[in-house]
C-alpha atoms as a PDB file:
ATOM      1  CA  MET A   1     -31.816  33.445 129.018  1.00  0.00           C
ATOM      2  CA  THR A   2     -29.619  32.620 126.019  1.00  0.00           C
ATOM      3  CA  ASP A   3     -26.209  34.252 125.823  1.00  0.00           C
ATOM      4  CA  ASN A   4     -25.972  36.339 122.603  1.00  0.00           C
ATOM      5  CA  ARG A   5     -22.382  35.218 122.122  1.00  0.00           C
ATOM      6  CA  GLN A   6     -23.424  31.568 122.300  1.00  0.00           C
ATOM      7  CA  THR A   7     -26.221  32.151 119.781  1.00  0.00           C
ATOM      8  CA  HIS A   8     -23.765  33.906 117.472  1.00  0.00           C
ATOM      9  CA  GLU A   9     -21.287  31.037 117.822  1.00  0.00           C
ATOM     10  CA  ASN A  10     -24.021  28.509 117.039  1.00  0.00           C
ATOM     11  CA  MET A  11     -25.059  30.428 113.927  1.00  0.00           C
ATOM     12  CA  ARG A  12     -21.532  30.857 112.537  1.00  0.00           C
ATOM     13  CA  PRO A  13     -21.284  27.344 110.999  1.00  0.00           C
ATOM     14  CA  LEU A  14     -24.682  27.791 109.331  1.00  0.00           C
ATOM     15  CA  LEU A  15     -23.672  31.194 107.993  1.00  0.00           C
ATOM     16  CA  GLU A  16     -20.355  29.836 106.714  1.00  0.00           C
ATOM     17  CA  GLU A  17     -22.002  26.886 104.964  1.00  0.00           C
ATOM     18  CA  ALA A  18     -24.680  29.058 103.361  1.00  0.00           C
ATOM     19  CA  ALA A  19     -22.073  31.580 102.220  1.00  0.00           C
ATOM     20  CA  LYS A  20     -19.928  28.817 100.756  1.00  0.00           C
ATOM     21  CA  LYS A  21     -22.854  27.444  98.756  1.00  0.00           C
ATOM     22  CA  LEU A  22     -23.724  30.930  97.515  1.00  0.00           C
ATOM     23  CA  GLY A  23     -20.153  31.826  96.624  1.00  0.00           C
ATOM     24  CA  VAL A  24     -19.869  34.810  98.960  1.00  0.00           C
ATOM     25  CA  THR A  25     -18.011  35.486 102.193  1.00  0.00           C
ATOM     26  CA  PRO A  26     -19.840  34.915 105.485  1.00  0.00           C
ATOM     27  CA  GLU A  27     -19.426  38.613 106.252  1.00  0.00           C
ATOM     28  CA  THR A  28     -21.035  39.613 102.945  1.00  0.00           C
ATOM     29  CA  LEU A  29     -23.939  37.248 103.513  1.00  0.00           C
ATOM     30  CA  ALA A  30     -24.426  38.441 107.095  1.00  0.00           C
ATOM     31  CA  GLY A  31     -24.445  42.041 105.904  1.00  0.00           C
ATOM     32  CA  GLN A  32     -27.019  41.310 103.216  1.00  0.00           C
ATOM     33  CA  ILE A  33     -29.243  39.474 105.684  1.00  0.00           C
ATOM     34  CA  SER A  34     -28.925  42.226 108.288  1.00  0.00           C
ATOM     35  CA  SER A  35     -29.790  44.932 105.776  1.00  0.00           C
ATOM     36  CA  GLY A  36     -32.699  42.946 104.341  1.00  0.00           C
ATOM     37  CA  ASP A  37     -31.081  42.942 100.902  1.00  0.00           C
ATOM     38  CA  ILE A  38     -31.578  39.271 100.056  1.00  0.00           C
ATOM     39  CA  GLY A  39     -32.208  39.906  96.363  1.00  0.00           C
ATOM     40  CA  ASN A  40     -28.550  39.299  95.576  1.00  0.00           C
ATOM     41  CA  VAL A  41     -28.599  36.129  97.650  1.00  0.00           C
ATOM     42  CA  LEU A  42     -31.650  34.813  95.811  1.00  0.00           C
ATOM     43  CA  LYS A  43     -30.026  35.418  92.433  1.00  0.00           C
ATOM     44  CA  LYS A  44     -27.236  33.006  93.362  1.00  0.00           C
ATOM     45  CA  LEU A  45     -29.593  30.151  94.175  1.00  0.00           C
ATOM     46  CA  PRO A  46     -30.502  27.561  91.561  1.00  0.00           C
ATOM     47  CA  ALA A  47     -33.833  28.335  89.872  1.00  0.00           C
ATOM     48  CA  ASP A  48     -35.710  25.523  91.644  1.00  0.00           C
ATOM     49  CA  GLN A  49     -34.546  26.765  95.056  1.00  0.00           C
ATOM     50  CA  GLN A  50     -35.428  30.353  94.144  1.00  0.00           C
ATOM     51  CA  ASN A  51     -38.928  29.178  93.254  1.00  0.00           C
ATOM     52  CA  LYS A  52     -39.321  27.169  96.468  1.00  0.00           C
ATOM     53  CA  LEU A  53     -38.182  30.069  98.633  1.00  0.00           C
ATOM     54  CA  THR A  54     -40.318  32.587  96.773  1.00  0.00           C
ATOM     55  CA  LYS A  55     -43.399  30.336  97.071  1.00  0.00           C
ATOM     56  CA  THR A  56     -42.735  29.734 100.765  1.00  0.00           C
ATOM     57  CA  LEU A  57     -42.370  33.431 101.491  1.00  0.00           C
ATOM     58  CA  ALA A  58     -45.556  34.199  99.543  1.00  0.00           C
ATOM     59  CA  ASP A  59     -47.581  31.516 101.407  1.00  0.00           C
ATOM     60  CA  LYS A  60     -48.577  32.935 104.793  1.00  0.00           C
ATOM     61  CA  THR A  61     -49.042  29.509 106.407  1.00  0.00           C
ATOM     62  CA  ALA A  62     -45.767  28.116 105.077  1.00  0.00           C
ATOM     63  CA  CYS A  63     -43.930  31.285 106.063  1.00  0.00           C
ATOM     64  CA  LYS A  64     -45.342  31.110 109.599  1.00  0.00           C
ATOM     65  CA  LYS A  65     -44.304  27.462 109.861  1.00  0.00           C
ATOM     66  CA  LEU A  66     -40.795  28.331 108.666  1.00  0.00           C
ATOM     67  CA  LEU A  67     -40.489  31.224 111.120  1.00  0.00           C
ATOM     68  CA  GLU A  68     -41.474  28.959 114.017  1.00  0.00           C
ATOM     69  CA  THR A  69     -38.512  26.618 113.488  1.00  0.00           C
ATOM     70  CA  PRO A  70     -35.718  26.768 116.090  1.00  0.00           C
ATOM     71  CA  GLN A  71     -33.226  27.783 113.399  1.00  0.00           C
ATOM     72  CA  ALA A  72     -35.343  30.724 112.269  1.00  0.00           C
ATOM     73  CA  GLN A  73     -35.948  31.775 115.868  1.00  0.00           C
ATOM     74  CA  ALA A  74     -32.198  31.750 116.563  1.00  0.00           C
ATOM     75  CA  LEU A  75     -31.500  33.753 113.414  1.00  0.00           C
ATOM     76  CA  MET A  76     -34.137  36.333 114.309  1.00  0.00           C
ATOM     77  CA  ARG A  77     -32.721  36.681 117.830  1.00  0.00           C
ATOM     78  CA  LYS A  78     -29.240  37.151 116.371  1.00  0.00           C
ATOM     79  CA  LEU A  79     -30.363  39.756 113.874  1.00  0.00           C
ATOM     80  CA  SER A  80     -32.396  41.656 116.430  1.00  0.00           C
ATOM     81  CA  GLY A  81     -29.566  41.619 118.964  1.00  0.00           C
ATOM     82  CA  LYS A  82     -31.643  39.904 121.658  1.00  0.00           C
END
């Protein structure tokens, strides 16, 4: 079984890099992700990336493929506390 602390430590660099690119603190980004309030995050993305993400989330097959990636699985475990 994966140690939650280890998963959190593995996710920290990803969270920090994403926050840096979005111009927010890692804590702010983590809070927005945890609360499901990603609207503010999306607004900070360039238009082409907003479109790609929106299309991916709207496409059931693409969304399923994205959610099956190891990175998405780790993020979901972190957010669910498992």
